[in-house]
Amino acid sequence: MTTIIASLEAVTLEEALAYLDTAEGDELEAAFALATDRNLLDGSDKQPDEAEVHHALFLLRRARGLTAPSFDLMRIQLRQRVAA
């Protein structure tokens, strides 16, 4: 599997935009994909947990100069997707 990110250290604006393009603008989907890729780069094939997805969402938003996301709001949005 090919990952978009090249490093666990940072996410560039270009990488953030590539994740968002792949996810058709869906920030949560992009964050989940980024968290999955970060796990793969770290040598793990496990699904990311909520904290890893939140950190990925934070990285995506920071790369684009946006404010940090709320962990609680993100958890609610993830649960709504699972229930749908």
N, C-alpha and C. Protein backbone atom coordinates (compact mmCIF):
# COMPACT_ATOMS: atom_id res chain seq x y z
N MET A 1 0.84 -1.18 0.00
CA MET A 1 0.00 0.00 0.00
C MET A 1 0.88 1.25 0.00
N THR A 2 0.56 2.22 -0.79
CA THR A 2 1.30 3.46 -0.87
C THR A 2 0.64 4.50 0.02
N THR A 3 1.47 5.14 0.84
CA THR A 3 0.97 6.20 1.71
C THR A 3 1.24 7.55 1.06
N ILE A 4 0.46 8.54 1.44
CA ILE A 4 0.65 9.89 0.92
C ILE A 4 1.74 10.60 1.70
N ILE A 5 1.77 10.39 3.02
CA ILE A 5 2.76 11.09 3.84
C ILE A 5 4.11 10.41 3.73
N ALA A 6 5.15 11.21 3.90
CA ALA A 6 6.50 10.69 3.80
C ALA A 6 7.15 10.53 5.17
N SER A 7 6.58 11.15 6.20
CA SER A 7 7.21 11.18 7.50
C SER A 7 6.16 11.20 8.60
N LEU A 8 6.52 10.67 9.76
CA LEU A 8 5.65 10.75 10.93
C LEU A 8 5.80 12.09 11.64
N GLU A 9 6.82 12.84 11.29
CA GLU A 9 7.14 14.09 11.98
C GLU A 9 6.17 15.22 11.68
N ALA A 10 5.75 15.36 10.45
CA ALA A 10 4.92 16.51 10.07
C ALA A 10 4.07 16.15 8.85
N VAL A 11 3.04 16.95 8.64
CA VAL A 11 2.20 16.84 7.45
C VAL A 11 2.29 18.17 6.73
N THR A 12 2.70 18.11 5.46
CA THR A 12 2.83 19.33 4.67
C THR A 12 1.46 19.76 4.15
N LEU A 13 1.38 20.98 3.69
CA LEU A 13 0.13 21.47 3.09
C LEU A 13 -0.24 20.61 1.90
N GLU A 14 0.72 20.25 1.08
CA GLU A 14 0.45 19.43 -0.11
C GLU A 14 -0.09 18.06 0.29
N GLU A 15 0.49 17.46 1.34
CA GLU A 15 0.01 16.16 1.80
C GLU A 15 -1.41 16.28 2.36
N ALA A 16 -1.65 17.32 3.15
CA ALA A 16 -2.99 17.53 3.72
C ALA A 16 -4.02 17.67 2.61
N LEU A 17 -3.70 18.46 1.60
CA LEU A 17 -4.63 18.66 0.49
C LEU A 17 -4.83 17.37 -0.30
N ALA A 18 -3.79 16.55 -0.41
CA ALA A 18 -3.92 15.27 -1.11
C ALA A 18 -4.87 14.33 -0.36
N TYR A 19 -4.77 14.30 0.97
CA TYR A 19 -5.71 13.48 1.75
C TYR A 19 -7.13 13.99 1.59
N LEU A 20 -7.30 15.30 1.63
CA LEU A 20 -8.65 15.87 1.47
C LEU A 20 -9.20 15.63 0.07
N ASP A 21 -8.34 15.72 -0.94
CA ASP A 21 -8.79 15.42 -2.30
C ASP A 21 -9.25 13.97 -2.42
N THR A 22 -8.46 13.06 -1.86
CA THR A 22 -8.79 11.64 -1.91
C THR A 22 -10.11 11.37 -1.19
N ALA A 23 -10.35 12.11 -0.11
CA ALA A 23 -11.57 11.94 0.68
C ALA A 23 -12.70 12.84 0.20
N GLU A 24 -12.52 13.45 -0.95
CA GLU A 24 -13.52 14.34 -1.54
C GLU A 24 -13.97 15.43 -0.57
N GLY A 25 -13.00 15.99 0.16
CA GLY A 25 -13.26 17.10 1.06
C GLY A 25 -13.75 16.72 2.45
N ASP A 26 -13.94 15.45 2.72
CA ASP A 26 -14.43 14.98 4.01
C ASP A 26 -13.27 14.91 5.01
N GLU A 27 -13.25 15.86 5.96
CA GLU A 27 -12.13 15.93 6.91
C GLU A 27 -11.98 14.68 7.75
N LEU A 28 -13.07 14.12 8.22
CA LEU A 28 -12.97 12.92 9.06
C LEU A 28 -12.44 11.72 8.28
N GLU A 29 -12.90 11.57 7.06
CA GLU A 29 -12.40 10.48 6.22
C GLU A 29 -10.91 10.67 5.93
N ALA A 30 -10.52 11.90 5.65
CA ALA A 30 -9.12 12.22 5.40
C ALA A 30 -8.28 11.95 6.64
N ALA A 31 -8.80 12.32 7.81
CA ALA A 31 -8.07 12.10 9.06
C ALA A 31 -7.92 10.61 9.35
N PHE A 32 -8.96 9.83 9.08
CA PHE A 32 -8.88 8.38 9.29
C PHE A 32 -7.82 7.78 8.36
N ALA A 33 -7.80 8.22 7.11
CA ALA A 33 -6.80 7.72 6.15
C ALA A 33 -5.39 8.11 6.59
N LEU A 34 -5.24 9.35 7.05
CA LEU A 34 -3.92 9.79 7.52
C LEU A 34 -3.49 9.00 8.74
N ALA A 35 -4.39 8.78 9.69
CA ALA A 35 -4.07 8.00 10.88
C ALA A 35 -3.68 6.57 10.51
N THR A 36 -4.39 6.00 9.56
CA THR A 36 -4.05 4.65 9.09
C THR A 36 -2.66 4.62 8.47
N ASP A 37 -2.36 5.62 7.63
CA ASP A 37 -1.03 5.69 7.01
C ASP A 37 0.07 5.92 8.04
N ARG A 38 -0.22 6.74 9.04
CA ARG A 38 0.77 6.96 10.11
C ARG A 38 1.06 5.65 10.84
N ASN A 39 0.03 4.86 11.09
CA ASN A 39 0.24 3.56 11.73
C ASN A 39 1.10 2.66 10.83
N LEU A 40 0.81 2.65 9.54
CA LEU A 40 1.61 1.83 8.62
C LEU A 40 3.07 2.26 8.60
N LEU A 41 3.31 3.56 8.58
CA LEU A 41 4.69 4.05 8.61
C LEU A 41 5.39 3.69 9.91
N ASP A 42 4.61 3.55 10.97
CA ASP A 42 5.15 3.19 12.28
C ASP A 42 5.29 1.68 12.44
N GLY A 43 4.92 0.92 11.40
CA GLY A 43 5.09 -0.53 11.43
C GLY A 43 3.89 -1.31 11.95
N SER A 44 2.74 -0.66 12.05
CA SER A 44 1.54 -1.33 12.57
C SER A 44 0.46 -1.36 11.49
N ASP A 45 -0.28 -2.45 11.45
CA ASP A 45 -1.40 -2.53 10.51
C ASP A 45 -2.74 -2.44 11.24
N LYS A 46 -2.72 -2.02 12.52
CA LYS A 46 -3.97 -1.91 13.28
C LYS A 46 -4.76 -0.67 12.86
N GLN A 47 -6.07 -0.75 13.04
CA GLN A 47 -6.93 0.38 12.76
C GLN A 47 -6.66 1.48 13.79
N PRO A 48 -6.67 2.73 13.36
CA PRO A 48 -6.42 3.81 14.32
C PRO A 48 -7.57 3.96 15.31
N ASP A 49 -7.22 4.35 16.54
CA ASP A 49 -8.25 4.62 17.54
C ASP A 49 -8.66 6.09 17.46
N GLU A 50 -9.60 6.50 18.32
CA GLU A 50 -10.12 7.86 18.27
C GLU A 50 -9.02 8.90 18.50
N ALA A 51 -8.10 8.62 19.41
CA ALA A 51 -7.02 9.56 19.70
C ALA A 51 -6.11 9.74 18.47
N GLU A 52 -5.83 8.64 17.76
CA GLU A 52 -4.99 8.73 16.57
C GLU A 52 -5.70 9.49 15.45
N VAL A 53 -7.00 9.28 15.30
CA VAL A 53 -7.76 10.00 14.28
C VAL A 53 -7.81 11.49 14.64
N HIS A 54 -7.99 11.80 15.92
CA HIS A 54 -8.01 13.20 16.35
C HIS A 54 -6.67 13.86 16.08
N HIS A 55 -5.59 13.17 16.38
CA HIS A 55 -4.26 13.74 16.12
C HIS A 55 -4.07 13.98 14.63
N ALA A 56 -4.51 13.04 13.82
CA ALA A 56 -4.41 13.21 12.36
C ALA A 56 -5.25 14.40 11.90
N LEU A 57 -6.45 14.54 12.46
CA LEU A 57 -7.29 15.69 12.11
C LEU A 57 -6.61 16.99 12.51
N PHE A 58 -5.99 16.99 13.68
CA PHE A 58 -5.22 18.14 14.13
C PHE A 58 -4.11 18.47 13.13
N LEU A 59 -3.37 17.46 12.68
CA LEU A 59 -2.28 17.67 11.72
C LEU A 59 -2.80 18.21 10.39
N LEU A 60 -3.93 17.67 9.92
CA LEU A 60 -4.52 18.16 8.67
C LEU A 60 -4.92 19.62 8.79
N ARG A 61 -5.53 19.97 9.90
CA ARG A 61 -5.98 21.35 10.10
C ARG A 61 -4.80 22.30 10.30
N ARG A 62 -3.80 21.87 11.06
CA ARG A 62 -2.62 22.71 11.28
C ARG A 62 -1.89 23.00 9.97
N ALA A 63 -1.77 21.99 9.12
CA ALA A 63 -1.08 22.17 7.84
C ALA A 63 -1.78 23.21 6.97
N ARG A 64 -3.10 23.36 7.17
CA ARG A 64 -3.88 24.31 6.39
C ARG A 64 -4.10 25.63 7.12
N GLY A 65 -3.48 25.79 8.29
CA GLY A 65 -3.59 27.04 9.04
C GLY A 65 -4.91 27.22 9.74
N LEU A 66 -5.60 26.12 10.05
CA LEU A 66 -6.91 26.18 10.71
C LEU A 66 -6.77 25.88 12.20
N THR A 67 -7.80 26.18 12.96
CA THR A 67 -7.80 25.94 14.39
C THR A 67 -7.84 24.44 14.70
N ALA A 68 -7.40 24.12 15.89
CA ALA A 68 -7.40 22.73 16.34
C ALA A 68 -8.83 22.22 16.49
N PRO A 69 -9.06 20.96 16.14
CA PRO A 69 -10.41 20.40 16.25
C PRO A 69 -10.72 19.99 17.69
N SER A 70 -12.00 19.97 18.02
CA SER A 70 -12.46 19.50 19.32
C SER A 70 -12.48 17.98 19.32
N PHE A 71 -11.86 17.39 20.35
CA PHE A 71 -11.87 15.93 20.46
C PHE A 71 -13.29 15.43 20.67
N ASP A 72 -14.05 16.08 21.55
CA ASP A 72 -15.41 15.64 21.84
C ASP A 72 -16.31 15.71 20.60
N LEU A 73 -16.22 16.81 19.86
CA LEU A 73 -17.03 16.94 18.65
C LEU A 73 -16.65 15.87 17.63
N MET A 74 -15.36 15.61 17.48
CA MET A 74 -14.92 14.58 16.54
C MET A 74 -15.47 13.21 16.94
N ARG A 75 -15.44 12.89 18.23
CA ARG A 75 -15.96 11.61 18.71
C ARG A 75 -17.45 11.48 18.40
N ILE A 76 -18.21 12.55 18.59
CA ILE A 76 -19.64 12.54 18.27
C ILE A 76 -19.84 12.29 16.78
N GLN A 77 -19.07 12.98 15.95
CA GLN A 77 -19.20 12.81 14.49
C GLN A 77 -18.84 11.39 14.07
N LEU A 78 -17.79 10.82 14.66
CA LEU A 78 -17.43 9.44 14.33
C LEU A 78 -18.53 8.46 14.73
N ARG A 79 -19.12 8.65 15.89
CA ARG A 79 -20.20 7.77 16.35
C ARG A 79 -21.43 7.89 15.46
N GLN A 80 -21.72 9.11 15.00
CA GLN A 80 -22.86 9.30 14.11
C GLN A 80 -22.63 8.56 12.79
N ARG A 81 -21.41 8.53 12.31
CA ARG A 81 -21.12 7.82 11.06
C ARG A 81 -21.28 6.32 11.24
N VAL A 82 -20.85 5.81 12.36
CA VAL A 82 -20.97 4.37 12.62
C VAL A 82 -22.44 3.98 12.73
N ALA A 83 -23.25 4.85 13.35
CA ALA A 83 -24.67 4.56 13.52
C ALA A 83 -25.46 4.67 12.21
N ALA A 84 -24.95 5.43 11.27
CA ALA A 84 -25.68 5.66 10.01
C ALA A 84 -25.66 4.45 9.10
